[in-house]
Amino acid sequence: MTRLLQPAERITVDLEDGAPVRFVWRGRDHRVLYLVNRWRADAEWWRVRQWREHYKLITDSGLLLVIYYDLSREAWYVQQVYD
């Protein structure tokens, strides 16, 4: 099962070689153990273009989730959480 966060929740992220290695979400620190996938998407292309860099990852606490970097806003968000 998956939970899509509407709206996505803003996070702070630490990068290493351009990829997320740690982030803070809901006041908790999460370390990235494994990067499952990475892709770039043009979200809501029928409105205003919103380029996003998505990362599906697994954390040290066992969370599987999708975070993204919104290139136009220069901000990071949690978008989806898998149970």
N, C-alpha and C. Protein backbone atom coordinates (compact mmCIF):
# COMPACT_ATOMS: atom_id res chain seq x y z
N MET A 1 0.85 -1.17 0.00
CA MET A 1 0.00 0.00 0.00
C MET A 1 0.89 1.24 0.00
N THR A 2 0.38 2.29 -0.58
CA THR A 2 1.13 3.54 -0.66
C THR A 2 0.24 4.72 -0.26
N ARG A 3 0.89 5.72 0.30
CA ARG A 3 0.18 6.92 0.73
C ARG A 3 0.78 8.11 -0.01
N LEU A 4 -0.04 8.79 -0.80
CA LEU A 4 0.39 9.99 -1.49
C LEU A 4 0.09 11.19 -0.61
N LEU A 5 1.10 11.97 -0.28
CA LEU A 5 0.91 13.12 0.59
C LEU A 5 0.42 14.31 -0.23
N GLN A 6 -0.74 14.80 0.13
CA GLN A 6 -1.37 15.94 -0.57
C GLN A 6 -1.68 17.03 0.43
N PRO A 7 -0.97 18.10 0.48
CA PRO A 7 0.17 18.40 -0.39
C PRO A 7 1.43 17.68 0.10
N ALA A 8 2.43 17.64 -0.77
CA ALA A 8 3.72 17.08 -0.37
C ALA A 8 4.28 17.90 0.78
N GLU A 9 5.08 17.24 1.65
CA GLU A 9 5.61 17.90 2.85
C GLU A 9 7.07 18.32 2.64
N ARG A 10 7.35 19.56 2.96
CA ARG A 10 8.69 20.11 2.77
C ARG A 10 9.68 19.48 3.75
N ILE A 11 10.90 19.23 3.28
CA ILE A 11 11.96 18.64 4.09
C ILE A 11 13.27 19.37 3.83
N THR A 12 14.23 19.14 4.72
CA THR A 12 15.60 19.61 4.48
C THR A 12 16.45 18.39 4.16
N VAL A 13 17.35 18.54 3.21
CA VAL A 13 18.10 17.39 2.68
C VAL A 13 19.59 17.71 2.62
N ASP A 14 20.42 16.72 2.97
CA ASP A 14 21.86 16.80 2.78
C ASP A 14 22.21 15.93 1.58
N LEU A 15 23.07 16.46 0.71
CA LEU A 15 23.46 15.75 -0.51
C LEU A 15 24.91 15.32 -0.46
N GLU A 16 25.20 14.25 -1.19
CA GLU A 16 26.57 13.81 -1.41
C GLU A 16 26.65 13.36 -2.86
N ASP A 17 27.55 13.93 -3.62
CA ASP A 17 27.66 13.65 -5.06
C ASP A 17 26.33 13.85 -5.78
N GLY A 18 25.56 14.85 -5.36
CA GLY A 18 24.31 15.20 -6.02
C GLY A 18 23.10 14.38 -5.65
N ALA A 19 23.26 13.41 -4.74
CA ALA A 19 22.14 12.55 -4.33
C ALA A 19 21.87 12.72 -2.84
N PRO A 20 20.61 12.57 -2.41
CA PRO A 20 20.30 12.71 -0.98
C PRO A 20 20.93 11.60 -0.15
N VAL A 21 21.52 11.98 0.99
CA VAL A 21 22.10 11.01 1.92
C VAL A 21 21.46 11.09 3.30
N ARG A 22 20.80 12.22 3.58
CA ARG A 22 20.15 12.42 4.88
C ARG A 22 19.10 13.49 4.71
N PHE A 23 17.99 13.36 5.48
CA PHE A 23 16.97 14.40 5.45
C PHE A 23 16.23 14.45 6.77
N VAL A 24 15.61 15.58 7.05
CA VAL A 24 14.80 15.77 8.25
C VAL A 24 13.35 15.92 7.81
N TRP A 25 12.49 15.05 8.37
CA TRP A 25 11.06 15.05 8.04
C TRP A 25 10.27 14.86 9.32
N ARG A 26 9.32 15.75 9.55
CA ARG A 26 8.48 15.71 10.74
C ARG A 26 9.32 15.69 12.02
N GLY A 27 10.41 16.44 12.00
CA GLY A 27 11.26 16.57 13.18
C GLY A 27 12.21 15.42 13.43
N ARG A 28 12.23 14.42 12.54
CA ARG A 28 13.12 13.26 12.71
C ARG A 28 14.18 13.23 11.63
N ASP A 29 15.36 12.80 12.03
CA ASP A 29 16.48 12.68 11.12
C ASP A 29 16.46 11.30 10.47
N HIS A 30 16.59 11.24 9.14
CA HIS A 30 16.57 9.97 8.40
C HIS A 30 17.82 9.89 7.53
N ARG A 31 18.49 8.75 7.60
CA ARG A 31 19.67 8.52 6.77
C ARG A 31 19.27 7.60 5.61
N VAL A 32 19.70 7.92 4.41
CA VAL A 32 19.37 7.12 3.24
C VAL A 32 20.31 5.92 3.19
N LEU A 33 19.71 4.71 3.20
CA LEU A 33 20.50 3.49 3.10
C LEU A 33 20.68 3.05 1.66
N TYR A 34 19.61 3.20 0.87
CA TYR A 34 19.64 2.68 -0.50
C TYR A 34 18.80 3.56 -1.41
N LEU A 35 19.36 3.94 -2.52
CA LEU A 35 18.63 4.70 -3.53
C LEU A 35 18.08 3.70 -4.55
N VAL A 36 16.76 3.52 -4.55
CA VAL A 36 16.10 2.54 -5.41
C VAL A 36 16.04 3.01 -6.86
N ASN A 37 15.66 4.27 -7.05
CA ASN A 37 15.45 4.79 -8.40
C ASN A 37 15.55 6.31 -8.37
N ARG A 38 15.82 6.86 -9.55
CA ARG A 38 15.92 8.32 -9.69
C ARG A 38 15.39 8.69 -11.08
N TRP A 39 14.53 9.71 -11.14
CA TRP A 39 14.00 10.13 -12.43
C TRP A 39 13.61 11.60 -12.38
N ARG A 40 13.57 12.21 -13.55
CA ARG A 40 13.16 13.61 -13.68
C ARG A 40 11.80 13.63 -14.36
N ALA A 41 10.90 14.47 -13.86
CA ALA A 41 9.55 14.55 -14.41
C ALA A 41 9.14 16.01 -14.59
N ASP A 42 8.31 16.21 -15.58
CA ASP A 42 7.71 17.52 -15.83
C ASP A 42 6.28 17.43 -15.30
N ALA A 43 6.07 17.79 -14.05
CA ALA A 43 4.77 17.65 -13.39
C ALA A 43 3.79 18.70 -13.87
N GLU A 44 2.55 18.29 -13.99
CA GLU A 44 1.45 19.18 -14.38
C GLU A 44 1.81 20.01 -15.61
N TRP A 45 2.30 19.34 -16.65
CA TRP A 45 2.75 20.01 -17.87
C TRP A 45 1.63 20.79 -18.55
N TRP A 46 0.39 20.44 -18.29
CA TRP A 46 -0.74 21.14 -18.94
C TRP A 46 -1.00 22.50 -18.30
N ARG A 47 -0.39 22.78 -17.15
CA ARG A 47 -0.52 24.09 -16.49
C ARG A 47 0.80 24.83 -16.66
N VAL A 48 1.45 25.11 -15.55
CA VAL A 48 2.77 25.74 -15.56
C VAL A 48 3.80 24.63 -15.40
N ARG A 49 4.85 24.67 -16.19
CA ARG A 49 5.87 23.60 -16.13
C ARG A 49 6.53 23.57 -14.76
N GLN A 50 6.65 22.38 -14.20
CA GLN A 50 7.28 22.18 -12.89
C GLN A 50 8.25 21.01 -12.99
N TRP A 51 9.51 21.31 -13.20
CA TRP A 51 10.51 20.25 -13.29
C TRP A 51 10.87 19.75 -11.90
N ARG A 52 10.84 18.42 -11.75
CA ARG A 52 11.15 17.79 -10.47
C ARG A 52 12.10 16.62 -10.66
N GLU A 53 13.03 16.50 -9.72
CA GLU A 53 13.95 15.37 -9.68
C GLU A 53 13.49 14.46 -8.55
N HIS A 54 13.00 13.25 -8.89
CA HIS A 54 12.44 12.32 -7.91
C HIS A 54 13.46 11.26 -7.49
N TYR A 55 13.35 10.84 -6.23
CA TYR A 55 14.21 9.79 -5.68
C TYR A 55 13.34 8.83 -4.88
N LYS A 56 13.35 7.56 -5.26
CA LYS A 56 12.70 6.53 -4.45
C LYS A 56 13.81 5.90 -3.62
N LEU A 57 13.63 5.89 -2.30
CA LEU A 57 14.73 5.46 -1.44
C LEU A 57 14.25 4.71 -0.19
N ILE A 58 15.20 4.06 0.45
CA ILE A 58 14.96 3.34 1.70
C ILE A 58 15.83 3.99 2.77
N THR A 59 15.23 4.25 3.94
CA THR A 59 15.96 4.92 5.02
C THR A 59 16.47 3.91 6.05
N ASP A 60 17.28 4.41 6.98
CA ASP A 60 17.83 3.58 8.05
C ASP A 60 16.75 3.07 9.00
N SER A 61 15.57 3.70 9.00
CA SER A 61 14.46 3.23 9.85
C SER A 61 13.51 2.30 9.09
N GLY A 62 13.85 1.97 7.84
CA GLY A 62 13.05 1.04 7.06
C GLY A 62 11.95 1.68 6.22
N LEU A 63 11.90 3.00 6.18
CA LEU A 63 10.90 3.67 5.34
C LEU A 63 11.26 3.53 3.87
N LEU A 64 10.25 3.25 3.05
CA LEU A 64 10.38 3.30 1.60
C LEU A 64 9.52 4.46 1.15
N LEU A 65 10.14 5.44 0.51
CA LEU A 65 9.38 6.62 0.13
C LEU A 65 9.95 7.29 -1.10
N VAL A 66 9.18 8.25 -1.62
CA VAL A 66 9.61 9.06 -2.75
C VAL A 66 9.73 10.50 -2.28
N ILE A 67 10.91 11.07 -2.50
CA ILE A 67 11.11 12.49 -2.24
C ILE A 67 11.44 13.14 -3.58
N TYR A 68 11.26 14.44 -3.65
CA TYR A 68 11.64 15.12 -4.89
C TYR A 68 12.19 16.51 -4.60
N TYR A 69 12.99 16.97 -5.57
CA TYR A 69 13.51 18.32 -5.55
C TYR A 69 12.79 19.10 -6.64
N ASP A 70 12.10 20.16 -6.24
CA ASP A 70 11.40 21.03 -7.18
C ASP A 70 12.40 22.07 -7.68
N LEU A 71 12.80 21.92 -8.93
CA LEU A 71 13.85 22.79 -9.48
C LEU A 71 13.42 24.24 -9.60
N SER A 72 12.15 24.51 -9.81
CA SER A 72 11.70 25.90 -9.92
C SER A 72 11.62 26.59 -8.56
N ARG A 73 11.28 25.85 -7.52
CA ARG A 73 11.19 26.42 -6.16
C ARG A 73 12.47 26.24 -5.36
N GLU A 74 13.37 25.40 -5.87
CA GLU A 74 14.61 25.07 -5.17
C GLU A 74 14.32 24.57 -3.77
N ALA A 75 13.42 23.58 -3.67
CA ALA A 75 13.00 23.03 -2.38
C ALA A 75 12.75 21.52 -2.51
N TRP A 76 12.93 20.82 -1.37
CA TRP A 76 12.74 19.37 -1.29
C TRP A 76 11.42 19.04 -0.60
N TYR A 77 10.81 17.91 -1.02
CA TYR A 77 9.52 17.48 -0.47
C TYR A 77 9.45 15.96 -0.39
N VAL A 78 8.67 15.45 0.60
CA VAL A 78 8.26 14.05 0.63
C VAL A 78 6.93 13.97 -0.09
N GLN A 79 6.85 13.08 -1.08
CA GLN A 79 5.64 12.97 -1.89
C GLN A 79 4.84 11.72 -1.60
N GLN A 80 5.52 10.60 -1.36
CA GLN A 80 4.84 9.32 -1.26
C GLN A 80 5.53 8.43 -0.24
N VAL A 81 4.71 7.71 0.56
CA VAL A 81 5.23 6.80 1.57
C VAL A 81 4.62 5.43 1.33
N TYR A 82 5.45 4.39 1.32
CA TYR A 82 4.98 3.02 1.12
C TYR A 82 4.89 2.33 2.47
N ASP A 83 3.82 1.55 2.67
CA ASP A 83 3.64 0.78 3.91
C ASP A 83 4.25 -0.59 3.78
